[in-house]
Amino acid sequence: GLTQVALTLVPVIGKTARGDISVRG
């Protein structure tokens, strides 16, 4: 299911093994 959240992101960006983008939050 879906939900909505307020969060903060930091500029730590990587890639997962599947090639998706991961950002620290």
mmCIF file of all heavy atoms, coordinates in Angstrom:
data_MODEL
# 
_entry.id   MODEL 
# 
loop_
_atom_site.group_PDB 
_atom_site.id 
_atom_site.type_symbol 
_atom_site.label_atom_id 
_atom_site.label_alt_id 
_atom_site.label_comp_id 
_atom_site.label_asym_id 
_atom_site.label_entity_id 
_atom_site.label_seq_id 
_atom_site.pdbx_PDB_ins_code 
_atom_site.Cartn_x 
_atom_site.Cartn_y 
_atom_site.Cartn_z 
_atom_site.occupancy 
_atom_site.B_iso_or_equiv 
_atom_site.pdbx_formal_charge 
_atom_site.auth_seq_id 
_atom_site.auth_comp_id 
_atom_site.auth_asym_id 
_atom_site.auth_atom_id 
_atom_site.pdbx_PDB_model_num 
ATOM 1   N N   . GLY A 1 1  ? 0.827  -1.203 0.000   1.00 0.00 ? 1  GLY A N   1 
ATOM 2   C CA  . GLY A 1 1  ? 0.000  0.000  0.000   1.00 0.00 ? 1  GLY A CA  1 
ATOM 3   C C   . GLY A 1 1  ? 0.858  1.248  0.000   1.00 0.00 ? 1  GLY A C   1 
ATOM 4   O O   . GLY A 1 1  ? 2.072  1.198  0.178   1.00 0.00 ? 1  GLY A O   1 
ATOM 5   N N   . LEU A 1 2  ? 0.221  2.368  -0.205  1.00 0.00 ? 2  LEU A N   1 
ATOM 6   C CA  . LEU A 1 2  ? 0.921  3.648  -0.308  1.00 0.00 ? 2  LEU A CA  1 
ATOM 7   C C   . LEU A 1 2  ? 0.619  4.526  0.897   1.00 0.00 ? 2  LEU A C   1 
ATOM 8   O O   . LEU A 1 2  ? -0.477 4.474  1.458   1.00 0.00 ? 2  LEU A O   1 
ATOM 9   C CB  . LEU A 1 2  ? 0.472  4.388  -1.569  1.00 0.00 ? 2  LEU A CB  1 
ATOM 10  C CG  . LEU A 1 2  ? 0.844  3.724  -2.887  1.00 0.00 ? 2  LEU A CG  1 
ATOM 11  C CD1 . LEU A 1 2  ? 0.104  4.383  -4.033  1.00 0.00 ? 2  LEU A CD1 1 
ATOM 12  C CD2 . LEU A 1 2  ? 2.332  3.795  -3.117  1.00 0.00 ? 2  LEU A CD2 1 
ATOM 13  N N   . THR A 1 3  ? 1.583  5.329  1.255   1.00 0.00 ? 3  THR A N   1 
ATOM 14  C CA  . THR A 1 3  ? 1.411  6.322  2.301   1.00 0.00 ? 3  THR A CA  1 
ATOM 15  C C   . THR A 1 3  ? 2.242  7.540  1.927   1.00 0.00 ? 3  THR A C   1 
ATOM 16  O O   . THR A 1 3  ? 3.067  7.481  1.016   1.00 0.00 ? 3  THR A O   1 
ATOM 17  C CB  . THR A 1 3  ? 1.815  5.759  3.684   1.00 0.00 ? 3  THR A CB  1 
ATOM 18  O OG1 . THR A 1 3  ? 1.416  6.680  4.696   1.00 0.00 ? 3  THR A OG1 1 
ATOM 19  C CG2 . THR A 1 3  ? 3.312  5.511  3.774   1.00 0.00 ? 3  THR A CG2 1 
ATOM 20  N N   . GLN A 1 4  ? 2.024  8.631  2.614   1.00 0.00 ? 4  GLN A N   1 
ATOM 21  C CA  . GLN A 1 4  ? 2.754  9.868  2.349   1.00 0.00 ? 4  GLN A CA  1 
ATOM 22  C C   . GLN A 1 4  ? 3.502  10.268 3.605   1.00 0.00 ? 4  GLN A C   1 
ATOM 23  O O   . GLN A 1 4  ? 2.942  10.218 4.698   1.00 0.00 ? 4  GLN A O   1 
ATOM 24  C CB  . GLN A 1 4  ? 1.782  10.967 1.949   1.00 0.00 ? 4  GLN A CB  1 
ATOM 25  C CG  . GLN A 1 4  ? 0.988  10.631 0.709   1.00 0.00 ? 4  GLN A CG  1 
ATOM 26  C CD  . GLN A 1 4  ? -0.193 11.555 0.510   1.00 0.00 ? 4  GLN A CD  1 
ATOM 27  O OE1 . GLN A 1 4  ? -0.383 12.516 1.240   1.00 0.00 ? 4  GLN A OE1 1 
ATOM 28  N NE2 . GLN A 1 4  ? -0.999 11.249 -0.485  1.00 0.00 ? 4  GLN A NE2 1 
ATOM 29  N N   . VAL A 1 5  ? 4.767  10.651 3.434   1.00 0.00 ? 5  VAL A N   1 
ATOM 30  C CA  . VAL A 1 5  ? 5.569  11.063 4.582   1.00 0.00 ? 5  VAL A CA  1 
ATOM 31  C C   . VAL A 1 5  ? 6.368  12.317 4.262   1.00 0.00 ? 5  VAL A C   1 
ATOM 32  O O   . VAL A 1 5  ? 6.724  12.566 3.113   1.00 0.00 ? 5  VAL A O   1 
ATOM 33  C CB  . VAL A 1 5  ? 6.540  9.950  5.058   1.00 0.00 ? 5  VAL A CB  1 
ATOM 34  C CG1 . VAL A 1 5  ? 5.795  8.756  5.584   1.00 0.00 ? 5  VAL A CG1 1 
ATOM 35  C CG2 . VAL A 1 5  ? 7.500  9.550  3.974   1.00 0.00 ? 5  VAL A CG2 1 
ATOM 36  N N   . ALA A 1 6  ? 6.625  13.068 5.294   1.00 0.00 ? 6  ALA A N   1 
ATOM 37  C CA  . ALA A 1 6  ? 7.550  14.203 5.220   1.00 0.00 ? 6  ALA A CA  1 
ATOM 38  C C   . ALA A 1 6  ? 8.856  13.724 5.838   1.00 0.00 ? 6  ALA A C   1 
ATOM 39  O O   . ALA A 1 6  ? 8.860  13.170 6.932   1.00 0.00 ? 6  ALA A O   1 
ATOM 40  C CB  . ALA A 1 6  ? 6.984  15.394 5.989   1.00 0.00 ? 6  ALA A CB  1 
ATOM 41  N N   . LEU A 1 7  ? 9.934  13.901 5.113   1.00 0.00 ? 7  LEU A N   1 
ATOM 42  C CA  . LEU A 1 7  ? 11.234 13.494 5.620   1.00 0.00 ? 7  LEU A CA  1 
ATOM 43  C C   . LEU A 1 7  ? 12.297 14.433 5.069   1.00 0.00 ? 7  LEU A C   1 
ATOM 44  O O   . LEU A 1 7  ? 11.990 15.338 4.304   1.00 0.00 ? 7  LEU A O   1 
ATOM 45  C CB  . LEU A 1 7  ? 11.528 12.032 5.263   1.00 0.00 ? 7  LEU A CB  1 
ATOM 46  C CG  . LEU A 1 7  ? 11.310 11.570 3.827   1.00 0.00 ? 7  LEU A CG  1 
ATOM 47  C CD1 . LEU A 1 7  ? 12.504 11.877 2.951   1.00 0.00 ? 7  LEU A CD1 1 
ATOM 48  C CD2 . LEU A 1 7  ? 11.049 10.087 3.821   1.00 0.00 ? 7  LEU A CD2 1 
ATOM 49  N N   . THR A 1 8  ? 13.543 14.223 5.490   1.00 0.00 ? 8  THR A N   1 
ATOM 50  C CA  . THR A 1 8  ? 14.639 15.017 4.960   1.00 0.00 ? 8  THR A CA  1 
ATOM 51  C C   . THR A 1 8  ? 15.624 14.085 4.270   1.00 0.00 ? 8  THR A C   1 
ATOM 52  O O   . THR A 1 8  ? 15.850 12.961 4.713   1.00 0.00 ? 8  THR A O   1 
ATOM 53  C CB  . THR A 1 8  ? 15.361 15.827 6.056   1.00 0.00 ? 8  THR A CB  1 
ATOM 54  O OG1 . THR A 1 8  ? 15.814 14.939 7.066   1.00 0.00 ? 8  THR A OG1 1 
ATOM 55  C CG2 . THR A 1 8  ? 14.448 16.866 6.659   1.00 0.00 ? 8  THR A CG2 1 
ATOM 56  N N   . LEU A 1 9  ? 16.175 14.566 3.163   1.00 0.00 ? 9  LEU A N   1 
ATOM 57  C CA  . LEU A 1 9  ? 17.154 13.807 2.401   1.00 0.00 ? 9  LEU A CA  1 
ATOM 58  C C   . LEU A 1 9  ? 18.516 14.473 2.541   1.00 0.00 ? 9  LEU A C   1 
ATOM 59  O O   . LEU A 1 9  ? 18.604 15.701 2.643   1.00 0.00 ? 9  LEU A O   1 
ATOM 60  C CB  . LEU A 1 9  ? 16.753 13.767 0.925   1.00 0.00 ? 9  LEU A CB  1 
ATOM 61  C CG  . LEU A 1 9  ? 15.393 13.149 0.619   1.00 0.00 ? 9  LEU A CG  1 
ATOM 62  C CD1 . LEU A 1 9  ? 15.033 13.350 -0.847  1.00 0.00 ? 9  LEU A CD1 1 
ATOM 63  C CD2 . LEU A 1 9  ? 15.391 11.671 0.970   1.00 0.00 ? 9  LEU A CD2 1 
ATOM 64  N N   . VAL A 1 10 ? 19.567 13.674 2.547   1.00 0.00 ? 10 VAL A N   1 
ATOM 65  C CA  . VAL A 1 10 ? 20.927 14.199 2.588   1.00 0.00 ? 10 VAL A CA  1 
ATOM 66  C C   . VAL A 1 10 ? 21.639 13.767 1.304   1.00 0.00 ? 10 VAL A C   1 
ATOM 67  O O   . VAL A 1 10 ? 21.272 12.773 0.694   1.00 0.00 ? 10 VAL A O   1 
ATOM 68  C CB  . VAL A 1 10 ? 21.701 13.733 3.845   1.00 0.00 ? 10 VAL A CB  1 
ATOM 69  C CG1 . VAL A 1 10 ? 21.036 14.236 5.105   1.00 0.00 ? 10 VAL A CG1 1 
ATOM 70  C CG2 . VAL A 1 10 ? 21.842 12.241 3.888   1.00 0.00 ? 10 VAL A CG2 1 
ATOM 71  N N   . PRO A 1 11 ? 22.670 14.511 0.892   1.00 0.00 ? 11 PRO A N   1 
ATOM 72  C CA  . PRO A 1 11 ? 23.326 14.200 -0.383  1.00 0.00 ? 11 PRO A CA  1 
ATOM 73  C C   . PRO A 1 11 ? 24.281 13.008 -0.300  1.00 0.00 ? 11 PRO A C   1 
ATOM 74  O O   . PRO A 1 11 ? 25.471 13.104 -0.577  1.00 0.00 ? 11 PRO A O   1 
ATOM 75  C CB  . PRO A 1 11 ? 24.066 15.500 -0.720  1.00 0.00 ? 11 PRO A CB  1 
ATOM 76  C CG  . PRO A 1 11 ? 24.278 16.170 0.575   1.00 0.00 ? 11 PRO A CG  1 
ATOM 77  C CD  . PRO A 1 11 ? 23.140 15.775 1.456   1.00 0.00 ? 11 PRO A CD  1 
ATOM 78  N N   . VAL A 1 12 ? 23.743 11.872 0.105   1.00 0.00 ? 12 VAL A N   1 
ATOM 79  C CA  . VAL A 1 12 ? 24.473 10.607 0.066   1.00 0.00 ? 12 VAL A CA  1 
ATOM 80  C C   . VAL A 1 12 ? 23.667 9.711  -0.867  1.00 0.00 ? 12 VAL A C   1 
ATOM 81  O O   . VAL A 1 12 ? 22.604 9.210  -0.507  1.00 0.00 ? 12 VAL A O   1 
ATOM 82  C CB  . VAL A 1 12 ? 24.605 9.970  1.470   1.00 0.00 ? 12 VAL A CB  1 
ATOM 83  C CG1 . VAL A 1 12 ? 25.296 8.620  1.383   1.00 0.00 ? 12 VAL A CG1 1 
ATOM 84  C CG2 . VAL A 1 12 ? 25.345 10.908 2.406   1.00 0.00 ? 12 VAL A CG2 1 
ATOM 85  N N   . ILE A 1 13 ? 24.171 9.565  -2.081  1.00 0.00 ? 13 ILE A N   1 
ATOM 86  C CA  . ILE A 1 13 ? 23.424 8.902  -3.144  1.00 0.00 ? 13 ILE A CA  1 
ATOM 87  C C   . ILE A 1 13 ? 24.230 7.700  -3.622  1.00 0.00 ? 13 ILE A C   1 
ATOM 88  O O   . ILE A 1 13 ? 25.439 7.789  -3.813  1.00 0.00 ? 13 ILE A O   1 
ATOM 89  C CB  . ILE A 1 13 ? 23.178 9.879  -4.314  1.00 0.00 ? 13 ILE A CB  1 
ATOM 90  C CG1 . ILE A 1 13 ? 22.411 11.102 -3.798  1.00 0.00 ? 13 ILE A CG1 1 
ATOM 91  C CG2 . ILE A 1 13 ? 22.431 9.204  -5.448  1.00 0.00 ? 13 ILE A CG2 1 
ATOM 92  C CD1 . ILE A 1 13 ? 22.352 12.258 -4.774  1.00 0.00 ? 13 ILE A CD1 1 
ATOM 93  N N   . GLY A 1 14 ? 23.539 6.582  -3.804  1.00 0.00 ? 14 GLY A N   1 
ATOM 94  C CA  . GLY A 1 14 ? 24.203 5.379  -4.289  1.00 0.00 ? 14 GLY A CA  1 
ATOM 95  C C   . GLY A 1 14 ? 23.290 4.603  -5.207  1.00 0.00 ? 14 GLY A C   1 
ATOM 96  O O   . GLY A 1 14 ? 22.179 5.030  -5.519  1.00 0.00 ? 14 GLY A O   1 
ATOM 97  N N   . LYS A 1 15 ? 23.775 3.460  -5.632  1.00 0.00 ? 15 LYS A N   1 
ATOM 98  C CA  . LYS A 1 15 ? 22.979 2.561  -6.468  1.00 0.00 ? 15 LYS A CA  1 
ATOM 99  C C   . LYS A 1 15 ? 22.850 1.223  -5.773  1.00 0.00 ? 15 LYS A C   1 
ATOM 100 O O   . LYS A 1 15 ? 23.775 0.773  -5.110  1.00 0.00 ? 15 LYS A O   1 
ATOM 101 C CB  . LYS A 1 15 ? 23.649 2.366  -7.830  1.00 0.00 ? 15 LYS A CB  1 
ATOM 102 C CG  . LYS A 1 15 ? 23.497 3.570  -8.712  1.00 0.00 ? 15 LYS A CG  1 
ATOM 103 C CD  . LYS A 1 15 ? 23.421 3.151  -10.148 1.00 0.00 ? 15 LYS A CD  1 
ATOM 104 C CE  . LYS A 1 15 ? 23.091 4.384  -10.978 1.00 0.00 ? 15 LYS A CE  1 
ATOM 105 N NZ  . LYS A 1 15 ? 22.296 4.093  -12.095 1.00 0.00 ? 15 LYS A NZ  1 
ATOM 106 N N   . THR A 1 16 ? 21.707 0.613  -5.942  1.00 0.00 ? 16 THR A N   1 
ATOM 107 C CA  . THR A 1 16 ? 21.484 -0.721 -5.387  1.00 0.00 ? 16 THR A CA  1 
ATOM 108 C C   . THR A 1 16 ? 22.023 -1.751 -6.378  1.00 0.00 ? 16 THR A C   1 
ATOM 109 O O   . THR A 1 16 ? 22.397 -1.414 -7.507  1.00 0.00 ? 16 THR A O   1 
ATOM 110 C CB  . THR A 1 16 ? 19.989 -0.971 -5.143  1.00 0.00 ? 16 THR A CB  1 
ATOM 111 O OG1 . THR A 1 16 ? 19.320 -1.031 -6.411  1.00 0.00 ? 16 THR A OG1 1 
ATOM 112 C CG2 . THR A 1 16 ? 19.369 0.100  -4.268  1.00 0.00 ? 16 THR A CG2 1 
ATOM 113 N N   . ALA A 1 17 ? 22.009 -3.000 -5.969  1.00 0.00 ? 17 ALA A N   1 
ATOM 114 C CA  . ALA A 1 17 ? 22.455 -4.078 -6.847  1.00 0.00 ? 17 ALA A CA  1 
ATOM 115 C C   . ALA A 1 17 ? 21.595 -4.165 -8.111  1.00 0.00 ? 17 ALA A C   1 
ATOM 116 O O   . ALA A 1 17 ? 22.068 -4.596 -9.156  1.00 0.00 ? 17 ALA A O   1 
ATOM 117 C CB  . ALA A 1 17 ? 22.417 -5.405 -6.095  1.00 0.00 ? 17 ALA A CB  1 
ATOM 118 N N   . ARG A 1 18 ? 20.346 -3.725 -8.020  1.00 0.00 ? 18 ARG A N   1 
ATOM 119 C CA  . ARG A 1 18 ? 19.445 -3.739 -9.183  1.00 0.00 ? 18 ARG A CA  1 
ATOM 120 C C   . ARG A 1 18 ? 19.605 -2.521 -10.070 1.00 0.00 ? 18 ARG A C   1 
ATOM 121 O O   . ARG A 1 18 ? 18.958 -2.398 -11.092 1.00 0.00 ? 18 ARG A O   1 
ATOM 122 C CB  . ARG A 1 18 ? 17.991 -3.767 -8.699  1.00 0.00 ? 18 ARG A CB  1 
ATOM 123 C CG  . ARG A 1 18 ? 17.592 -5.062 -8.074  1.00 0.00 ? 18 ARG A CG  1 
ATOM 124 C CD  . ARG A 1 18 ? 16.116 -5.090 -7.851  1.00 0.00 ? 18 ARG A CD  1 
ATOM 125 N NE  . ARG A 1 18 ? 15.408 -5.040 -9.127  1.00 0.00 ? 18 ARG A NE  1 
ATOM 126 C CZ  . ARG A 1 18 ? 14.103 -4.990 -9.235  1.00 0.00 ? 18 ARG A CZ  1 
ATOM 127 N NH1 . ARG A 1 18 ? 13.358 -4.958 -8.170  1.00 0.00 ? 18 ARG A NH1 1 
ATOM 128 N NH2 . ARG A 1 18 ? 13.531 -4.960 -10.408 1.00 0.00 ? 18 ARG A NH2 1 
ATOM 129 N N   . GLY A 1 19 ? 20.437 -1.554 -9.658  1.00 0.00 ? 19 GLY A N   1 
ATOM 130 C CA  . GLY A 1 19 ? 20.615 -0.339 -10.444 1.00 0.00 ? 19 GLY A CA  1 
ATOM 131 C C   . GLY A 1 19 ? 19.661 0.772  -10.058 1.00 0.00 ? 19 GLY A C   1 
ATOM 132 O O   . GLY A 1 19 ? 19.605 1.806  -10.724 1.00 0.00 ? 19 GLY A O   1 
ATOM 133 N N   . ASP A 1 20 ? 18.889 0.579  -8.978  1.00 0.00 ? 20 ASP A N   1 
ATOM 134 C CA  . ASP A 1 20 ? 18.006 1.634  -8.497  1.00 0.00 ? 20 ASP A CA  1 
ATOM 135 C C   . ASP A 1 20 ? 18.828 2.662  -7.726  1.00 0.00 ? 20 ASP A C   1 
ATOM 136 O O   . ASP A 1 20 ? 19.938 2.379  -7.275  1.00 0.00 ? 20 ASP A O   1 
ATOM 137 C CB  . ASP A 1 20 ? 16.927 1.047  -7.594  1.00 0.00 ? 20 ASP A CB  1 
ATOM 138 C CG  . ASP A 1 20 ? 16.052 0.038  -8.315  1.00 0.00 ? 20 ASP A CG  1 
ATOM 139 O OD1 . ASP A 1 20 ? 15.852 0.193  -9.544  1.00 0.00 ? 20 ASP A OD1 1 
ATOM 140 O OD2 . ASP A 1 20 ? 15.578 -0.908 -7.666  1.00 0.00 ? 20 ASP A OD2 1 
ATOM 141 N N   . ILE A 1 21 ? 18.271 3.844  -7.548  1.00 0.00 ? 21 ILE A N   1 
ATOM 142 C CA  . ILE A 1 21 ? 18.968 4.910  -6.823  1.00 0.00 ? 21 ILE A CA  1 
ATOM 143 C C   . ILE A 1 21 ? 18.546 4.872  -5.364  1.00 0.00 ? 21 ILE A C   1 
ATOM 144 O O   . ILE A 1 21 ? 17.363 4.780  -5.044  1.00 0.00 ? 21 ILE A O   1 
ATOM 145 C CB  . ILE A 1 21 ? 18.658 6.280  -7.448  1.00 0.00 ? 21 ILE A CB  1 
ATOM 146 C CG1 . ILE A 1 21 ? 19.207 6.319  -8.872  1.00 0.00 ? 21 ILE A CG1 1 
ATOM 147 C CG2 . ILE A 1 21 ? 19.242 7.401  -6.606  1.00 0.00 ? 21 ILE A CG2 1 
ATOM 148 C CD1 . ILE A 1 21 ? 18.775 7.523  -9.669  1.00 0.00 ? 21 ILE A CD1 1 
ATOM 149 N N   . SER A 1 22 ? 19.529 4.984  -4.490  1.00 0.00 ? 22 SER A N   1 
ATOM 150 C CA  . SER A 1 22 ? 19.293 4.991  -3.045  1.00 0.00 ? 22 SER A CA  1 
ATOM 151 C C   . SER A 1 22 ? 19.819 6.302  -2.481  1.00 0.00 ? 22 SER A C   1 
ATOM 152 O O   . SER A 1 22 ? 20.945 6.703  -2.771  1.00 0.00 ? 22 SER A O   1 
ATOM 153 C CB  . SER A 1 22 ? 20.033 3.807  -2.406  1.00 0.00 ? 22 SER A CB  1 
ATOM 154 O OG  . SER A 1 22 ? 19.950 3.883  -1.009  1.00 0.00 ? 22 SER A OG  1 
ATOM 155 N N   . VAL A 1 23 ? 18.984 6.969  -1.682  1.00 0.00 ? 23 VAL A N   1 
ATOM 156 C CA  . VAL A 1 23 ? 19.365 8.231  -1.054  1.00 0.00 ? 23 VAL A CA  1 
ATOM 157 C C   . VAL A 1 23 ? 19.150 8.098  0.445   1.00 0.00 ? 23 VAL A C   1 
ATOM 158 O O   . VAL A 1 23 ? 18.121 7.580  0.887   1.00 0.00 ? 23 VAL A O   1 
ATOM 159 C CB  . VAL A 1 23 ? 18.525 9.412  -1.596  1.00 0.00 ? 23 VAL A CB  1 
ATOM 160 C CG1 . VAL A 1 23 ? 18.892 10.719 -0.909  1.00 0.00 ? 23 VAL A CG1 1 
ATOM 161 C CG2 . VAL A 1 23 ? 18.686 9.540  -3.106  1.00 0.00 ? 23 VAL A CG2 1 
ATOM 162 N N   . ARG A 1 24 ? 20.120 8.565  1.223   1.00 0.00 ? 24 ARG A N   1 
ATOM 163 C CA  . ARG A 1 24 ? 19.965 8.538  2.677   1.00 0.00 ? 24 ARG A CA  1 
ATOM 164 C C   . ARG A 1 24 ? 18.927 9.568  3.077   1.00 0.00 ? 24 ARG A C   1 
ATOM 165 O O   . ARG A 1 24 ? 18.917 10.696 2.585   1.00 0.00 ? 24 ARG A O   1 
ATOM 166 C CB  . ARG A 1 24 ? 21.288 8.863  3.367   1.00 0.00 ? 24 ARG A CB  1 
ATOM 167 C CG  . ARG A 1 24 ? 21.205 8.742  4.884   1.00 0.00 ? 24 ARG A CG  1 
ATOM 168 C CD  . ARG A 1 24 ? 22.528 9.051  5.543   1.00 0.00 ? 24 ARG A CD  1 
ATOM 169 N NE  . ARG A 1 24 ? 23.549 8.134  5.078   1.00 0.00 ? 24 ARG A NE  1 
ATOM 170 C CZ  . ARG A 1 24 ? 24.852 8.346  5.242   1.00 0.00 ? 24 ARG A CZ  1 
ATOM 171 N NH1 . ARG A 1 24 ? 25.286 9.436  5.828   1.00 0.00 ? 24 ARG A NH1 1 
ATOM 172 N NH2 . ARG A 1 24 ? 25.726 7.460  4.795   1.00 0.00 ? 24 ARG A NH2 1 
ATOM 173 N N   . GLY A 1 25 ? 18.022 9.163  3.961   1.00 0.00 ? 25 GLY A N   1 
ATOM 174 C CA  . GLY A 1 25 ? 16.978 10.053 4.437   1.00 0.00 ? 25 GLY A CA  1 
ATOM 175 C C   . GLY A 1 25 ? 16.765 9.880  5.922   1.00 0.00 ? 25 GLY A C   1 
ATOM 176 O O   . GLY A 1 25 ? 17.259 8.927  6.536   1.00 0.00 ? 25 GLY A O   1 
# 
